[in-house]
Each structure stands twice: as C-alpha cells, then as structure tokens.
Amino acid sequence: MKKITVKDICLLQLIIIIYTFSTVFAKMASGYEVMSWKFLLYFGMEFVILALYALLWQQMIKKFELSVAYINRSMALLWSMVWSVVFFKERITVQNVVGIVIVMAGIVLINQDAVNGKEDSYE
C-alpha cells in the first residue's frame, strides 16, 4: 500500500464531515410530521448526502488500510457534537469533551503511524 500523506488524511476527514451532515438532516427531518413536504425534503437530503459519502468513501478506502480508515471515521463523533451545538443549540458536557479528546488522541496516534509508513505486522 502506498504511503499515506497528510493531504490524504485531510481529504478523508472532509469526507467524514460530509457524512456527518446526514445526521443533521435526519435530526431536522425528525422535527416534522412524517410525509410532510419538509420531512421529505430533509429526509431526501439525508439520502443524497449518504449517496455522495458512499461514493467518496469507496475511493478513499483504496488509499487506506481499512482499519485506519475506520478509525478515522470516529472523528464523526467530534463533528456531530459540533453540529449539535451549531444547528440545534444543544449543550456539551465535560464528559463529552473528555471522550472526544481520548478518541482524537487515538486517531492521531494511528494517523502518525500511517503517515510514517509504520505498520504493525502480526505474521
């Protein structure tokens, strides 16, 4: 597998950000009566975003080991928390922040190994 660059990781993060917008539209849809035009609009947007994400994700997993790509998907937790505050005025607790910091520390460690070309082998 080719060496992963910081640009590759940034692109992967952008794709994950796109993915998290599906949850924003799902939450927006949930605020309306099922089958109303606003429900259908937000529900439809959720599917459009998920379709776009699926296409982009397929391209990204060509560049990454699957384990590294999926570990990076954990950043969706951070982005979902950001969107919950920005779009829905929800509160973040200290426990939320501590949990996200722990997850991000793990992601940074994994990505450093991927960028530096270090791969553990259990053979």
Protein backbone atom coordinates (compact mmCIF):
# COMPACT_ATOMS: atom_id res chain seq x y z
CA MET A 1 0.00 0.00 0.00
CA LYS A 2 1.33 3.45 -0.86
CA LYS A 3 2.40 5.86 1.85
CA ILE A 4 -0.42 7.98 3.24
CA THR A 5 0.09 11.75 3.15
CA VAL A 6 -1.31 14.47 5.38
CA LYS A 7 -3.33 15.57 2.33
CA ASP A 8 -4.91 12.08 2.17
CA ILE A 9 -5.87 12.28 5.84
CA CYS A 10 -7.34 15.76 5.39
CA LEU A 11 -9.38 14.54 2.42
CA LEU A 12 -10.60 11.59 4.47
CA GLN A 13 -11.64 13.99 7.23
CA LEU A 14 -13.54 16.14 4.72
CA ILE A 15 -15.45 13.05 3.59
CA ILE A 16 -16.27 12.25 7.20
CA ILE A 17 -17.54 15.81 7.69
CA ILE A 18 -19.81 15.32 4.66
CA TYR A 19 -21.06 12.08 6.22
CA THR A 20 -21.96 13.81 9.49
CA PHE A 21 -24.26 16.23 7.68
CA SER A 22 -26.56 13.24 7.07
CA THR A 23 -27.23 13.21 10.81
CA VAL A 24 -28.04 16.93 10.73
CA PHE A 25 -30.67 16.39 8.05
CA ALA A 26 -32.02 13.32 9.87
CA LYS A 27 -32.49 15.39 13.03
CA MET A 28 -34.13 18.18 11.01
CA ALA A 29 -36.50 15.68 9.38
CA SER A 30 -37.46 14.30 12.78
CA GLY A 31 -38.94 17.68 13.70
CA TYR A 32 -41.71 17.39 11.12
CA GLU A 33 -44.68 15.14 10.60
CA VAL A 34 -43.83 12.04 8.57
CA MET A 35 -44.53 12.55 4.87
CA SER A 36 -44.90 16.35 5.16
CA TRP A 37 -43.00 18.26 2.47
CA LYS A 38 -40.33 19.47 4.95
CA PHE A 39 -39.87 15.94 6.28
CA LEU A 40 -39.46 14.62 2.76
CA LEU A 41 -37.04 17.44 1.88
CA TYR A 42 -34.74 16.78 4.84
CA PHE A 43 -35.10 13.01 4.53
CA GLY A 44 -34.21 13.29 0.84
CA MET A 45 -31.17 15.45 1.63
CA GLU A 46 -30.03 12.81 4.10
CA PHE A 47 -30.10 10.21 1.32
CA VAL A 48 -28.28 12.50 -1.13
CA ILE A 49 -25.51 13.08 1.38
CA LEU A 50 -25.26 9.37 2.21
CA ALA A 51 -25.03 8.52 -1.51
CA LEU A 52 -22.28 11.12 -2.02
CA TYR A 53 -20.48 9.83 1.05
CA ALA A 54 -20.71 6.22 -0.17
CA LEU A 55 -19.09 7.15 -3.49
CA LEU A 56 -16.34 9.18 -1.86
CA TRP A 57 -15.73 6.55 0.84
CA GLN A 58 -15.22 3.87 -1.83
CA GLN A 59 -12.46 5.99 -3.35
CA MET A 60 -10.79 6.68 -0.01
CA ILE A 61 -10.59 3.08 1.13
CA LYS A 62 -8.47 2.40 -1.93
CA LYS A 63 -5.77 4.59 -0.37
CA PHE A 64 -6.03 3.48 3.26
CA GLU A 65 -5.87 0.25 5.14
CA LEU A 66 -9.43 -0.46 6.17
CA SER A 67 -8.53 -0.34 9.88
CA VAL A 68 -7.01 3.14 9.53
CA ALA A 69 -9.96 4.45 7.50
CA TYR A 70 -12.50 3.18 10.02
CA ILE A 71 -10.58 4.54 12.98
CA ASN A 72 -10.68 7.95 11.29
CA ARG A 73 -14.46 7.64 10.98
CA SER A 74 -14.50 8.11 14.75
CA MET A 75 -13.99 11.80 14.04
CA ALA A 76 -17.68 11.79 13.17
CA LEU A 77 -18.22 11.99 16.94
CA LEU A 78 -16.49 15.37 17.07
CA TRP A 79 -18.27 16.76 14.03
CA SER A 80 -21.65 15.52 15.23
CA MET A 81 -21.05 17.28 18.53
CA VAL A 82 -20.10 20.49 16.73
CA TRP A 83 -23.21 20.33 14.53
CA SER A 84 -25.42 19.65 17.58
CA VAL A 85 -24.26 22.96 19.06
CA VAL A 86 -24.23 24.97 15.83
CA PHE A 87 -27.56 23.83 14.38
CA PHE A 88 -29.57 22.67 17.39
CA LYS A 89 -28.14 24.73 20.28
CA GLU A 90 -27.51 21.59 22.31
CA ARG A 91 -25.13 21.60 25.27
CA ILE A 92 -21.78 19.86 25.51
CA THR A 93 -20.75 18.32 28.81
CA VAL A 94 -17.28 17.89 30.27
CA GLN A 95 -17.68 14.14 29.76
CA ASN A 96 -18.40 14.74 26.07
CA VAL A 97 -15.20 16.76 25.70
CA VAL A 98 -13.08 14.24 27.62
CA GLY A 99 -14.43 11.39 25.49
CA ILE A 100 -13.73 13.23 22.25
CA VAL A 101 -10.18 14.12 23.37
CA ILE A 102 -9.47 10.45 24.12
CA VAL A 103 -10.82 9.37 20.72
CA MET A 104 -8.84 12.10 18.93
CA ALA A 105 -5.62 11.09 20.72
CA GLY A 106 -6.07 7.56 19.40
CA ILE A 107 -6.76 8.82 15.89
CA VAL A 108 -3.63 10.99 15.95
CA LEU A 109 -1.51 8.01 17.03
CA ILE A 110 -2.91 5.79 14.27
CA ASN A 111 -2.51 8.50 11.63
CA GLN A 112 1.09 9.19 12.64
CA ASP A 113 1.91 5.55 12.01
CA ALA A 114 0.06 5.64 8.67
CA VAL A 115 1.86 8.81 7.53
CA ASN A 116 5.23 7.49 8.65
CA GLY A 117 4.62 4.17 6.91
CA LYS A 118 4.81 2.13 10.10
CA GLU A 119 2.57 -0.86 10.04
CA ASP A 120 2.40 -3.46 12.75
CA SER A 121 2.69 -6.96 11.45
CA TYR A 122 1.31 -9.90 13.36
CA GLU A 123 2.60 -12.54 10.98
